[in-house]
Protein backbone atom coordinates (compact mmCIF):
# COMPACT_ATOMS: atom_id res chain seq x y z
CA UNK A 1 142.11 181.68 99.86
CA UNK A 2 143.34 178.28 100.80
CA UNK A 3 141.30 175.96 102.90
CA UNK A 4 141.89 176.84 106.04
CA UNK A 5 140.43 180.82 105.41
CA UNK A 6 137.52 179.08 103.34
CA UNK A 7 136.71 176.51 106.08
CA UNK A 8 137.10 179.45 108.80
CA UNK A 9 134.76 181.95 106.64
CA UNK A 10 132.07 179.63 106.04
CA UNK A 11 132.13 178.26 110.45
CA UNK A 12 131.82 182.25 111.22
CA UNK A 13 129.09 182.88 108.66
CA UNK A 14 127.30 180.07 110.72
CA UNK A 15 127.80 181.49 113.85
CA UNK A 16 129.70 178.96 115.90
CA UNK A 17 133.14 178.34 116.55
CA UNK A 18 135.65 175.54 115.05
CA UNK A 19 136.86 172.54 115.54
CA UNK A 20 140.41 172.10 115.58
CA UNK A 21 141.88 168.38 116.61
CA UNK A 22 145.25 166.58 116.89
CA UNK A 23 146.35 163.29 116.68
CA UNK A 24 150.06 162.52 116.34
CA UNK A 25 151.02 160.61 113.00
CA UNK A 26 151.67 156.88 113.20
CA UNK A 27 150.13 156.86 116.59
CA UNK A 28 149.74 154.01 118.33
CA UNK A 29 150.34 152.72 114.32
CA UNK A 30 150.48 154.17 110.81
CA UNK A 31 147.60 151.87 109.45
CA UNK A 32 145.43 153.33 113.00
CA UNK A 33 146.10 156.56 113.19
CA UNK A 34 145.51 156.66 109.02
CA UNK A 35 142.26 155.47 109.80
CA UNK A 36 140.87 157.42 112.47
CA UNK A 37 142.63 160.71 110.25
CA UNK A 38 140.27 160.02 107.29
CA UNK A 39 137.64 159.37 109.98
CA UNK A 40 138.19 162.41 111.96
CA UNK A 41 135.88 164.94 109.50
CA UNK A 42 132.70 162.87 109.52
CA UNK A 43 132.97 163.05 113.83
CA UNK A 44 132.50 166.84 113.04
CA UNK A 45 136.30 167.89 113.26
CA UNK A 46 136.67 171.11 111.29
CA UNK A 47 140.24 171.82 111.09
CA UNK A 48 143.00 168.64 111.90
CA UNK A 49 146.64 169.31 113.35
CA UNK A 50 148.32 166.18 112.52
CA UNK A 51 151.51 165.88 114.78
CA UNK A 52 155.43 165.29 113.51
CA UNK A 53 157.06 162.52 115.91
CA UNK A 54 159.96 164.70 117.34
CA UNK A 55 161.88 162.68 120.16
CA UNK A 56 162.20 166.27 122.54
CA UNK A 57 158.67 167.56 122.12
CA UNK A 58 159.73 170.35 125.16
CA UNK A 59 155.80 172.28 125.08
CA UNK A 60 154.23 169.02 125.33
CA UNK A 61 153.27 167.41 128.39
CA UNK A 62 153.13 163.56 129.01
CA UNK A 63 150.10 162.35 126.93
CA UNK A 64 151.34 163.77 123.92
CA UNK A 65 155.17 162.68 124.33
CA UNK A 66 154.42 159.28 124.89
CA UNK A 67 152.60 159.61 121.36
CA UNK A 68 155.92 161.23 119.67
CA UNK A 69 157.07 157.89 120.86
CA UNK A 70 155.46 155.30 120.06
CA UNK A 71 155.39 156.64 116.42
CA UNK A 72 158.95 156.90 116.34
CA UNK A 73 159.43 152.93 117.78
CA UNK A 74 156.58 152.39 114.83
CA UNK A 75 159.56 154.09 112.25
CA UNK A 76 157.27 157.01 111.75
CA UNK A 77 158.82 159.54 109.43
CA UNK A 78 158.16 162.84 108.25
CA UNK A 79 157.89 161.51 104.62
CA UNK A 80 155.81 158.74 106.01
CA UNK A 81 153.37 161.84 107.68
CA UNK A 82 153.43 163.23 104.57
CA UNK A 83 152.31 160.56 102.75
CA UNK A 84 149.36 160.28 105.68
CA UNK A 85 147.93 163.54 104.61
CA UNK A 86 147.75 162.52 100.62
CA UNK A 87 146.32 159.29 101.78
CA UNK A 88 143.55 161.22 103.19
CA UNK A 89 143.35 163.91 100.40
CA UNK A 90 142.11 161.02 98.30
CA UNK A 91 139.17 161.18 99.65
CA UNK A 92 138.91 164.59 101.56
CA UNK A 93 139.94 167.45 99.19
CA UNK A 94 138.53 170.32 101.80
CA UNK A 95 139.42 169.23 105.08
CA UNK A 96 141.92 171.53 106.32
CA UNK A 97 145.23 169.82 107.83
CA UNK A 98 147.63 171.28 109.37
CA UNK A 99 151.24 169.70 110.48
CA UNK A 100 152.02 170.47 114.16
CA UNK A 101 155.49 170.06 115.49
CA UNK A 102 159.32 171.15 115.80
CA UNK A 103 161.72 173.04 113.66
CA UNK A 104 164.59 170.02 113.75
CA UNK A 105 162.58 167.14 111.78
CA UNK A 106 161.83 170.45 109.25
CA UNK A 107 165.63 171.55 108.89
CA UNK A 108 166.58 167.57 108.32
CA UNK A 109 164.19 167.52 105.38
CA UNK A 110 165.05 170.22 104.24
CA UNK A 111 162.97 174.57 104.78
CA UNK A 112 161.81 174.54 100.67
CA UNK A 113 161.81 170.29 100.22
CA UNK A 114 159.81 170.73 102.82
CA UNK A 115 157.09 173.32 101.90
CA UNK A 116 156.55 171.76 98.63
CA UNK A 117 156.18 168.39 99.59
CA UNK A 118 154.07 169.65 102.72
CA UNK A 119 151.62 171.25 99.82
CA UNK A 120 152.34 168.37 97.15
CA UNK A 121 150.35 166.24 99.55
CA UNK A 122 147.82 168.88 100.80
CA UNK A 123 148.78 170.30 103.85
CA UNK A 124 147.47 173.45 104.16
CA UNK A 125 149.12 175.43 107.40
CA UNK A 126 152.60 174.79 109.55
CA UNK A 127 152.54 175.65 113.49
CA UNK A 128 156.78 175.50 113.96
CA UNK A 129 156.56 175.16 118.35
CA UNK A 130 160.32 176.33 118.34
CA UNK A 131 160.57 178.44 115.19
CA UNK A 132 159.95 182.08 116.77
CA UNK A 133 159.36 184.71 114.01
CA UNK A 134 162.76 186.58 114.25
CA UNK A 135 164.21 182.62 112.74
CA UNK A 136 161.46 181.56 110.65
CA UNK A 137 162.78 183.25 107.28
CA UNK A 138 164.15 180.10 105.53
CA UNK A 139 160.91 178.71 106.46
CA UNK A 140 158.66 181.80 106.25
CA UNK A 141 159.35 183.03 102.76
CA UNK A 142 159.09 179.63 101.24
CA UNK A 143 155.70 178.88 103.12
CA UNK A 144 154.04 182.23 102.25
CA UNK A 145 155.38 182.10 98.31
CA UNK A 146 153.58 178.43 98.24
CA UNK A 147 149.87 179.73 100.02
CA UNK A 148 150.71 177.02 103.26
CA UNK A 149 150.24 179.22 106.11
CA UNK A 150 152.59 180.15 108.80
CA UNK A 151 150.41 179.50 111.96
CA UNK A 152 152.00 181.11 115.17
CA UNK A 153 151.19 181.04 118.66
CA UNK A 154 150.56 183.19 121.20
CA UNK A 155 150.72 182.73 124.92
CA UNK A 156 149.50 184.83 128.05
CA UNK A 157 152.71 186.60 128.75
CA UNK A 158 152.82 187.76 125.50
CA UNK A 159 152.70 191.67 125.90
CA UNK A 160 152.30 194.09 122.28
CA UNK A 161 155.08 194.82 121.99
CA UNK A 162 155.98 190.86 120.66
CA UNK A 163 152.59 190.42 119.16
CA UNK A 164 153.69 193.16 116.82
CA UNK A 165 156.50 190.95 115.77
CA UNK A 166 154.44 187.64 116.34
CA UNK A 167 151.85 189.68 113.70
CA UNK A 168 152.99 190.10 110.57
CA UNK A 169 153.47 187.34 108.82
CA UNK A 170 151.22 184.94 110.34
CA UNK A 171 148.08 183.30 108.39
CA UNK A 172 145.07 181.02 108.95
CA UNK A 173 143.83 181.66 112.87
CA UNK A 174 146.06 182.93 115.32
CA UNK A 175 146.62 179.91 118.38
CA UNK A 176 146.13 181.22 121.39
CA UNK A 177 147.95 179.61 124.12
CA UNK A 178 145.43 179.16 126.74
CA UNK A 179 148.04 178.27 130.14
CA UNK A 180 151.72 178.77 131.07
CA UNK A 181 152.67 175.45 131.04
CA UNK A 182 152.89 172.24 128.79
CA UNK A 183 149.79 170.37 127.14
CA UNK A 184 147.52 168.46 129.05
CA UNK A 185 149.32 170.01 132.29
CA UNK A 186 145.75 171.97 133.86
CA UNK A 187 142.45 173.01 132.30
CA UNK A 188 141.80 175.73 130.39
CA UNK A 189 139.27 178.90 132.47
CA UNK A 190 136.93 180.79 129.95
CA UNK A 191 136.13 183.77 132.29
CA UNK A 192 139.34 184.59 132.21
CA UNK A 193 140.23 183.73 128.73
CA UNK A 194 137.26 186.86 127.25
CA UNK A 195 139.44 190.21 128.11
CA UNK A 196 142.38 189.20 126.47
CA UNK A 197 141.07 187.14 123.55
CA UNK A 198 139.12 190.51 122.95
CA UNK A 199 142.18 192.51 123.12
CA UNK A 200 143.76 190.48 120.92
CA UNK A 201 140.80 191.00 118.14
CA UNK A 202 141.37 194.79 117.99
CA UNK A 203 145.47 194.25 117.34
CA UNK A 204 144.48 191.43 114.19
CA UNK A 205 141.92 190.11 112.20
CA UNK A 206 142.76 186.46 112.02
CA UNK A 207 140.39 184.31 113.55
CA UNK A 208 141.50 183.60 117.70
CA UNK A 209 141.61 179.53 117.93
CA UNK A 210 142.33 178.88 122.09
CA UNK A 211 144.55 175.34 122.59
CA UNK A 212 145.77 173.80 125.25
CA UNK A 213 143.38 172.48 128.62
CA UNK A 214 140.75 171.66 126.36
CA UNK A 215 139.00 168.06 127.50
CA UNK A 216 135.66 168.08 127.82
CA UNK A 217 133.19 169.14 125.36
CA UNK A 218 131.67 171.83 128.51
CA UNK A 219 135.70 172.56 128.26
CA UNK A 220 134.55 173.49 124.49
CA UNK A 221 131.10 174.86 124.86
CA UNK A 222 132.59 177.03 127.17
CA UNK A 223 136.54 178.11 125.19
CA UNK A 224 134.22 178.53 122.06
CA UNK A 225 131.74 180.64 123.36
CA UNK A 226 134.76 183.42 123.49
CA UNK A 227 136.99 182.17 120.91
CA UNK A 228 136.71 181.70 116.92
CA UNK A 229 137.78 178.08 117.61
CA UNK A 230 138.65 174.89 119.92
CA UNK A 231 142.03 173.24 119.69
CA UNK A 232 141.63 170.09 121.56
CA UNK A 233 144.48 167.59 121.80
CA UNK A 234 145.90 165.40 124.90
CA UNK A 235 142.58 164.26 126.09
CA UNK A 236 142.16 162.58 121.60
CA UNK A 237 144.92 161.52 121.94
CA UNK A 238 145.06 159.65 125.46
CA UNK A 239 141.74 157.94 124.47
CA UNK A 240 144.43 156.67 121.28
CA UNK A 241 147.33 155.76 123.86
CA UNK A 242 144.52 152.62 125.06
CA UNK A 243 143.87 151.63 121.75
CA UNK A 244 146.61 149.02 122.06
CA UNK A 245 145.66 147.28 125.40
CA UNK A 246 142.07 147.10 123.87
CA UNK A 247 140.53 149.59 125.95
CA UNK A 248 139.46 152.04 123.81
CA UNK A 249 138.91 151.93 119.95
CA UNK A 250 139.06 153.75 116.77
CA UNK A 251 134.65 154.04 117.67
CA UNK A 252 135.76 155.13 120.73
CA UNK A 253 137.60 157.25 119.30
CA UNK A 254 135.38 158.75 116.90
CA UNK A 255 132.64 158.88 118.91
CA UNK A 256 134.74 161.23 121.52
CA UNK A 257 134.93 164.12 118.50
CA UNK A 258 131.27 163.75 117.97
CA UNK A 259 130.62 164.89 122.21
CA UNK A 260 133.26 167.93 121.33
CA UNK A 261 131.91 168.55 117.71
CA UNK A 262 127.72 168.59 119.24
CA UNK A 263 128.77 171.11 122.07
CA UNK A 264 130.09 173.54 119.76
CA UNK A 265 126.03 174.70 118.42
CA UNK A 266 126.00 177.60 115.87
CA UNK A 267 125.30 180.98 118.52
CA UNK A 268 123.32 183.65 116.93
CA UNK A 269 125.50 186.40 119.60
CA UNK A 270 128.94 186.16 120.22
CA UNK A 271 129.97 186.35 123.64
CA UNK A 272 132.04 189.82 124.41
CA UNK A 273 134.40 190.32 126.68
CA UNK A 274 132.58 192.82 128.03
CA UNK A 275 128.95 191.12 128.49
């Protein structure tokens, strides 16, 4: 098991869902982003998704698009993103980190070099939004050989035939995109998702994390009742976006994550789709 597997197994034993938080590397600047990254585990983040800045993030809404633009304007690179992870690992060797982004920067960096450097820096998994399983061999072979989890996405429109192509080779957890559309565009509905998630559990033993459309502690609690993990991104990034104007601080980000973590209290019985 790598850190993702170990962490999710431990959290499952506790009878609660995991909190997965997303921030963009280098946003609003590299130093502040590093401070936030370092503070997330203490605030209650179980797994951290670190965005790789890219100029054309097609699955992301305006909030995360703007974060990527701020990071790129500050000359943030993929190499510097990995350096952030290495710096984080100097004081935290347990919290899993997942890189999330798009294949173009990985392709330019070189897939084998990317895997080697990500593992060396302390990354545990990757989510490449625009890399379908059919085109993954160039990266996936190197990743699995290095015990780097390839976390794959499933959407509301994914049928069983497509699942049969997605699940082989998937690792870490299955990322269920709770809405059709881009990040931050709509709110997710836990009741509507429960049947779908129950069906997915008949197809895979991987933990199921739900992302997109989760903003508030109440949202997180609702999703945590039906999923193994909840992913919160846009609302945290929105708080970060206000730091340069002095409207928020790193402490505000920490407080926000603490509130989300507090909403995911251990439960004795996982709510099922049939209940």
